[in-house]
Structure formats: C-alpha cells, structure tokens
Amino acid sequence: MDAKLMEISVVIPYYNSPKSILKALDSVSQQTLLPREVIIVDDGSDLDKSIQFLQVQKNNYPFELKLIYHKKNLGAPSARNNGIREAIYDYIAFLDADDCWLETKLENQARAIGNYDLLYANYTEEMAKAESSINSQPVVRAVSYLDILKKNLSPVTLIVKRKGIVLFDERFRRCDDFKMSIEALAIGNKIGFLDMNVSYGFKKAIGGGGLTKSLLKMSLSYLKACLYLIFEYPKLTFVIILFILFEIIKFPIRCLKVYLLS
C-alpha cells in the first residue's frame, strides 16, 4: 500500500502534563504523513492540569482530536488500551505526552512496515541527537526474543496494524510495553525494527529524584512481568529465565552508573 494512503490513529496517554502535551501535539502536526485522528486519554489528571483546556483548540489541528477522560489514575497501560478501543483506523501509533516525533516518523514507518504486524524504531532522549544521527538508508530487520533482551523497544516509536494489536497488561504500571512485545511474538505476530531515529524526549527516562529507588521499582516490575510470562506462556520458560538472569546481572550495573554520575 502507498504510504500516503495509509490511515493512522495516534494514541497518547496523558497525566498532569499541560505544557509538554502541546509540544507532543506540535510534533504530530508537523508530520509529513498526517494521522487521521489523535486520541488523548487523560488518566485522572488534577483538575487544574486536565486536558480540558484542549477542548477549545480542537479545530486548530490538521487531524481530528479526540479527548477521553479517566475519573481516576489507572496507569498508562489502561490509557493506551482505551485509546486503542476508541481508534477507528487500520494503523495505530503511540506517543507519550512528554515525548515528540521527528517530522518524517509516520511516513518512514508507513513505508517500512510491509509484512510486519508491529514496527519499532530508535528513540533518544534529546532532539539534537535524534536529528544528528538520522540514517539516510535505514535497515528494517525482524525482531527476535534476543533482540528484546538486548534493546529496549520504546512504545513511542511503535506503529502497529490493527490485526496485530496486543493490549497492554493493566496489572503493570511499569514494563507493560516489554510484556506486550514478548506476547506479540509468542502469539505469532511479526515484529520489525527500523534502524532510524524517529522519536525523542525532553526528560530523562528515570526522574532525577530517587534514582536508585526508581531503578529498583522498574527492575522488580520487570521480574514480575517475566514470572507472569512464564505462567501464561510455558513454552517460553527457558527464554524468560535468560531474561531474568540478564536482569539480575544488569541491575547492579545500572545502580553503579547512577552512583558514579550523581
């Protein structure tokens, strides 16, 4: 299919981020291939930081802007899932309220997705790095369990065909995206990776305060997700045990890096 003819929905979970969501929306508005709709799911924000202020700006964007509200904070997985349920087009892309896309993100991934059900790409924490290291001839390769073990696949780089959708596990506040990618492979979906920068953020992946504590929570959630995967997909037991062992080795290394950089 011609990329220009592809109809795309964008899902953005939101929580108390009125300033950064405008940057995120601007990056979507500047896409060389515009989505047909953008669905923002407000996950129980404080009243003064709700996305209600966007109601009066809905007609300012070159796509349909849909706003969904959660009465209480349910977590990003629930917000993404409700956005998925609301989406009406054949391709769904994900963005977070504190991240942005490079302007060719959707077009490049639409051209590259081919026979893959899900397609990820590179993410960096800084716009300058993202723009300075763009690969003019990006390679698309198939993703295996080993690839997921070696590289973090960021959901803000993901575009997925509707038939390839796997919902995010709402029991997890963290690592739901990791679990989803493993499940997608386990049920036979084809995952591709476009070796090209498409997304960037404007804050560190783990906040500045309580870094070690945040790392511990992330690691424990990762290990919990692994245990759930073993229970739900027994055929993956050996593979997931490798993930667990790798995480046990990586955790103290991450903590040491934080200590040395602090």
Protein backbone atom coordinates (compact mmCIF):
# COMPACT_ATOMS: atom_id res chain seq x y z
CA MET A 1 0.00 0.00 0.00
CA ASP A 2 1.12 3.52 -0.80
CA ALA A 3 2.20 5.13 2.50
CA LYS A 4 0.32 8.31 1.59
CA LEU A 5 -2.94 6.35 1.53
CA MET A 6 -2.47 4.76 4.96
CA GLU A 7 -4.95 5.88 7.61
CA ILE A 8 -3.41 6.17 11.06
CA SER A 9 -4.74 6.73 14.56
CA VAL A 10 -2.41 8.10 17.25
CA VAL A 11 -2.92 7.28 20.94
CA ILE A 12 -1.40 9.47 23.66
CA PRO A 13 -1.76 8.71 27.40
CA TYR A 14 -1.74 11.92 29.44
CA TYR A 15 -1.28 12.80 33.10
CA ASN A 16 -0.68 16.28 34.51
CA SER A 17 1.42 17.46 31.54
CA PRO A 18 -0.27 20.59 30.08
CA LYS A 19 2.97 22.11 28.76
CA SER A 20 4.60 19.05 27.27
CA ILE A 21 1.43 17.80 25.57
CA LEU A 22 1.46 20.91 23.37
CA LYS A 23 5.00 20.06 22.19
CA ALA A 24 3.94 16.48 21.55
CA LEU A 25 0.92 17.62 19.51
CA ASP A 26 3.03 20.09 17.55
CA SER A 27 5.37 17.25 16.54
CA VAL A 28 2.36 15.25 15.31
CA SER A 29 1.01 18.29 13.40
CA GLN A 30 4.34 18.62 11.57
CA GLN A 31 4.34 15.06 10.24
CA THR A 32 4.93 14.67 6.51
CA LEU A 33 2.26 11.97 6.68
CA LEU A 34 -0.51 13.23 8.94
CA PRO A 35 -2.64 10.86 11.02
CA ARG A 36 -6.40 10.95 10.60
CA GLU A 37 -7.06 11.18 14.34
CA VAL A 38 -5.22 11.74 17.62
CA ILE A 39 -6.74 10.29 20.78
CA ILE A 40 -5.56 11.74 24.10
CA VAL A 41 -6.55 9.79 27.19
CA ASP A 42 -6.41 11.89 30.37
CA ASP A 43 -5.57 9.38 33.08
CA GLY A 44 -7.14 11.13 36.06
CA SER A 45 -5.15 14.38 36.00
CA ASP A 46 -5.56 17.04 38.67
CA LEU A 47 -8.40 19.42 37.83
CA ASP A 48 -6.07 22.34 37.05
CA LYS A 49 -3.91 20.18 34.76
CA SER A 50 -6.64 18.34 32.88
CA ILE A 51 -6.66 18.24 29.07
CA GLN A 52 -9.95 20.15 29.19
CA PHE A 53 -8.03 23.22 28.01
CA LEU A 54 -7.52 21.48 24.65
CA GLN A 55 -11.27 21.40 24.05
CA VAL A 56 -11.21 24.94 22.66
CA GLN A 57 -8.18 24.16 20.46
CA LYS A 58 -9.53 21.03 18.80
CA ASN A 59 -10.11 22.76 15.48
CA ASN A 60 -6.57 24.15 15.36
CA TYR A 61 -5.03 20.81 14.39
CA PRO A 62 -4.88 19.17 10.94
CA PHE A 63 -6.44 15.97 12.30
CA GLU A 64 -9.43 15.03 14.43
CA LEU A 65 -8.57 15.42 18.11
CA LYS A 66 -10.46 13.12 20.49
CA LEU A 67 -10.30 13.59 24.26
CA ILE A 68 -11.07 10.78 26.71
CA TYR A 69 -11.16 11.18 30.49
CA HIS A 70 -10.49 8.68 33.29
CA LYS A 71 -12.11 9.57 36.61
CA LYS A 72 -9.06 8.24 38.44
CA ASN A 73 -5.46 7.42 37.61
CA LEU A 74 -5.38 3.89 36.19
CA GLY A 75 -1.90 3.94 34.64
CA ALA A 76 -0.51 4.27 31.12
CA PRO A 77 -1.45 0.70 30.06
CA SER A 78 -5.13 1.37 30.75
CA ALA A 79 -4.94 4.75 28.98
CA ARG A 80 -3.32 3.19 25.90
CA ASN A 81 -5.85 0.35 25.83
CA ASN A 82 -8.82 2.71 25.99
CA GLY A 83 -7.24 4.77 23.22
CA ILE A 84 -6.86 1.61 21.13
CA ARG A 85 -10.54 0.77 21.67
CA GLU A 86 -11.52 4.27 20.53
CA ALA A 87 -9.28 4.21 17.43
CA ILE A 88 -11.06 3.56 14.13
CA TYR A 89 -8.24 3.32 11.58
CA ASP A 90 -6.16 0.37 10.40
CA TYR A 91 -2.83 1.56 11.80
CA ILE A 92 -2.19 2.78 15.34
CA ALA A 93 0.87 4.70 16.52
CA PHE A 94 1.73 5.61 20.10
CA LEU A 95 3.22 8.73 21.63
CA ASP A 96 3.61 9.91 25.23
CA ALA A 97 2.72 13.39 26.45
CA ASP A 98 6.37 14.15 27.26
CA ASP A 99 7.89 12.90 24.01
CA CYS A 100 7.99 14.10 20.39
CA TRP A 101 8.38 12.67 16.91
CA LEU A 102 10.71 13.73 14.15
CA GLU A 103 8.63 15.04 11.26
CA THR A 104 9.13 12.01 8.98
CA LYS A 105 8.36 9.44 11.69
CA LEU A 106 4.99 8.25 10.43
CA GLU A 107 5.88 8.40 6.75
CA ASN A 108 9.11 6.43 7.15
CA GLN A 109 7.47 3.75 9.26
CA ALA A 110 4.43 3.55 6.98
CA ARG A 111 6.76 2.87 4.06
CA ALA A 112 8.78 0.31 6.01
CA ILE A 113 6.14 -1.74 7.85
CA GLY A 114 5.45 -4.08 4.91
CA ASN A 115 4.53 -7.55 6.16
CA TYR A 116 5.32 -6.78 9.79
CA ASP A 117 2.45 -6.51 12.28
CA LEU A 118 4.36 -4.19 14.61
CA LEU A 119 7.24 -1.87 13.74
CA TYR A 120 9.56 -0.18 16.25
CA ALA A 121 12.42 2.27 15.67
CA ASN A 122 15.09 4.20 17.58
CA TYR A 123 14.38 6.56 20.46
CA THR A 124 16.74 9.07 22.04
CA GLU A 125 16.37 11.42 25.00
CA GLU A 126 17.48 14.52 23.10
CA MET A 127 16.23 16.13 19.89
CA ALA A 128 19.77 17.14 18.79
CA LYS A 129 20.97 13.54 18.98
CA ALA A 130 17.89 12.33 17.14
CA GLU A 131 18.36 14.74 14.25
CA SER A 132 22.14 14.41 14.01
CA SER A 133 22.20 10.64 13.64
CA ILE A 134 19.44 10.01 11.12
CA ASN A 135 20.30 7.09 8.87
CA SER A 136 19.60 8.05 5.25
CA GLN A 137 19.30 4.38 4.26
CA PRO A 138 17.66 2.73 7.26
CA VAL A 139 17.55 -1.03 7.54
CA VAL A 140 14.45 -2.94 8.62
CA ARG A 141 15.09 -6.21 10.39
CA ALA A 142 12.97 -8.81 12.15
CA VAL A 143 12.87 -8.69 15.95
CA SER A 144 13.51 -11.85 17.97
CA TYR A 145 13.32 -12.56 21.70
CA LEU A 146 17.07 -12.00 21.82
CA ASP A 147 16.63 -8.54 20.31
CA ILE A 148 14.12 -7.64 23.03
CA LEU A 149 16.61 -8.86 25.61
CA LYS A 150 19.37 -6.65 24.20
CA LYS A 151 17.44 -3.49 23.31
CA ASN A 152 14.63 -1.52 24.88
CA LEU A 153 11.75 -1.19 22.41
CA SER A 154 10.05 2.11 23.19
CA PRO A 155 6.27 2.28 22.64
CA VAL A 156 6.60 5.89 21.42
CA THR A 157 8.36 4.52 18.33
CA LEU A 158 5.72 1.86 17.68
CA ILE A 159 3.26 1.66 14.81
CA VAL A 160 1.04 -1.41 14.65
CA LYS A 161 -1.53 -2.84 12.28
CA ARG A 162 -4.95 -3.26 13.85
CA LYS A 163 -4.85 -7.02 13.26
CA GLY A 164 -1.56 -7.17 15.17
CA ILE A 165 -2.78 -5.35 18.28
CA VAL A 166 -1.94 -6.90 21.64
CA LEU A 167 -3.39 -4.95 24.55
CA PHE A 168 -1.09 -3.72 27.33
CA ASP A 169 -1.33 -5.61 30.62
CA GLU A 170 -3.12 -3.26 33.03
CA ARG A 171 -1.81 -5.12 36.07
CA PHE A 172 1.54 -3.41 35.48
CA ARG A 173 2.38 0.26 35.97
CA ARG A 174 5.84 -0.39 34.54
CA CYS A 175 7.22 -2.81 31.93
CA ASP A 176 3.81 -3.36 30.35
CA ASP A 177 5.37 -2.45 26.99
CA PHE A 178 8.09 -5.10 27.45
CA LYS A 179 5.47 -7.73 28.30
CA MET A 180 3.32 -6.74 25.32
CA SER A 181 6.20 -7.15 22.84
CA ILE A 182 7.01 -10.62 24.21
CA GLU A 183 3.34 -11.61 23.98
CA ALA A 184 3.12 -10.34 20.41
CA LEU A 185 5.96 -12.65 19.36
CA ALA A 186 4.54 -15.53 21.41
CA ILE A 187 1.21 -15.47 19.54
CA GLY A 188 2.94 -15.37 16.16
CA ASN A 189 2.93 -11.67 15.27
CA LYS A 190 5.82 -10.38 13.18
CA ILE A 191 7.77 -7.53 14.79
CA GLY A 192 10.15 -5.38 12.80
CA PHE A 193 12.70 -2.75 13.79
CA LEU A 194 13.50 0.27 11.64
CA ASP A 195 17.08 1.31 12.42
CA MET A 196 16.30 5.00 12.32
CA ASN A 197 15.70 7.72 14.90
CA VAL A 198 12.04 8.69 14.95
CA SER A 199 11.29 9.86 18.49
CA TYR A 200 12.88 11.88 21.26
CA GLY A 201 12.02 13.15 24.73
CA PHE A 202 12.73 16.12 26.92
CA LYS A 203 13.25 14.42 30.23
CA LYS A 204 15.34 11.50 31.46
CA ALA A 205 13.75 8.07 31.33
CA ILE A 206 14.02 7.88 35.11
CA GLY A 207 13.44 11.03 37.13
CA GLY A 208 16.25 12.85 38.88
CA GLY A 209 14.92 12.29 42.37
CA GLY A 210 15.32 8.87 43.98
CA LEU A 211 17.06 7.32 41.02
CA THR A 212 18.09 4.11 42.78
CA LYS A 213 14.60 3.65 44.18
CA SER A 214 13.10 4.15 40.70
CA LEU A 215 15.54 1.65 39.24
CA LEU A 216 14.57 -0.88 41.90
CA LYS A 217 10.86 -0.47 41.18
CA MET A 218 11.50 -0.87 37.46
CA SER A 219 13.63 -3.96 37.98
CA LEU A 220 11.10 -5.61 40.30
CA SER A 221 8.30 -4.89 37.84
CA TYR A 222 10.40 -6.37 35.01
CA LEU A 223 10.99 -9.55 37.02
CA LYS A 224 7.31 -9.75 37.91
CA ALA A 225 6.41 -9.45 34.22
CA CYS A 226 8.83 -12.29 33.46
CA LEU A 227 7.15 -14.53 36.04
CA TYR A 228 3.73 -13.77 34.59
CA LEU A 229 5.03 -14.60 31.11
CA ILE A 230 6.32 -17.98 32.28
CA PHE A 231 2.93 -18.74 33.81
CA GLU A 232 0.96 -17.56 30.77
CA TYR A 233 3.33 -18.93 28.09
CA PRO A 234 5.05 -22.04 29.49
CA LYS A 235 6.74 -22.68 26.14
CA LEU A 236 8.81 -19.52 26.76
CA THR A 237 10.15 -20.70 30.14
CA PHE A 238 13.76 -21.17 29.01
CA VAL A 239 13.81 -17.87 27.12
CA ILE A 240 12.32 -15.93 30.04
CA ILE A 241 14.77 -17.48 32.51
CA LEU A 242 17.53 -15.93 30.37
CA PHE A 243 15.75 -12.57 30.67
CA ILE A 244 15.62 -12.95 34.45
CA LEU A 245 19.31 -13.84 34.73
CA PHE A 246 20.26 -10.96 32.47
CA GLU A 247 18.24 -8.51 34.57
CA ILE A 248 19.85 -9.75 37.80
CA ILE A 249 23.25 -9.00 36.25
CA LYS A 250 22.24 -5.62 34.79
CA PHE A 251 20.57 -4.14 37.88
CA PRO A 252 23.71 -3.57 39.99
CA ILE A 253 25.50 -2.20 36.90
CA ARG A 254 22.71 0.37 36.42
CA CYS A 255 22.91 1.36 40.08
CA LEU A 256 26.68 1.76 39.84
CA LYS A 257 26.30 4.04 36.82
CA VAL A 258 23.78 6.18 38.70
CA TYR A 259 26.13 6.42 41.66
CA LEU A 260 29.11 7.43 39.50
CA LEU A 261 27.09 10.06 37.61
CA SER A 262 25.48 11.57 40.69
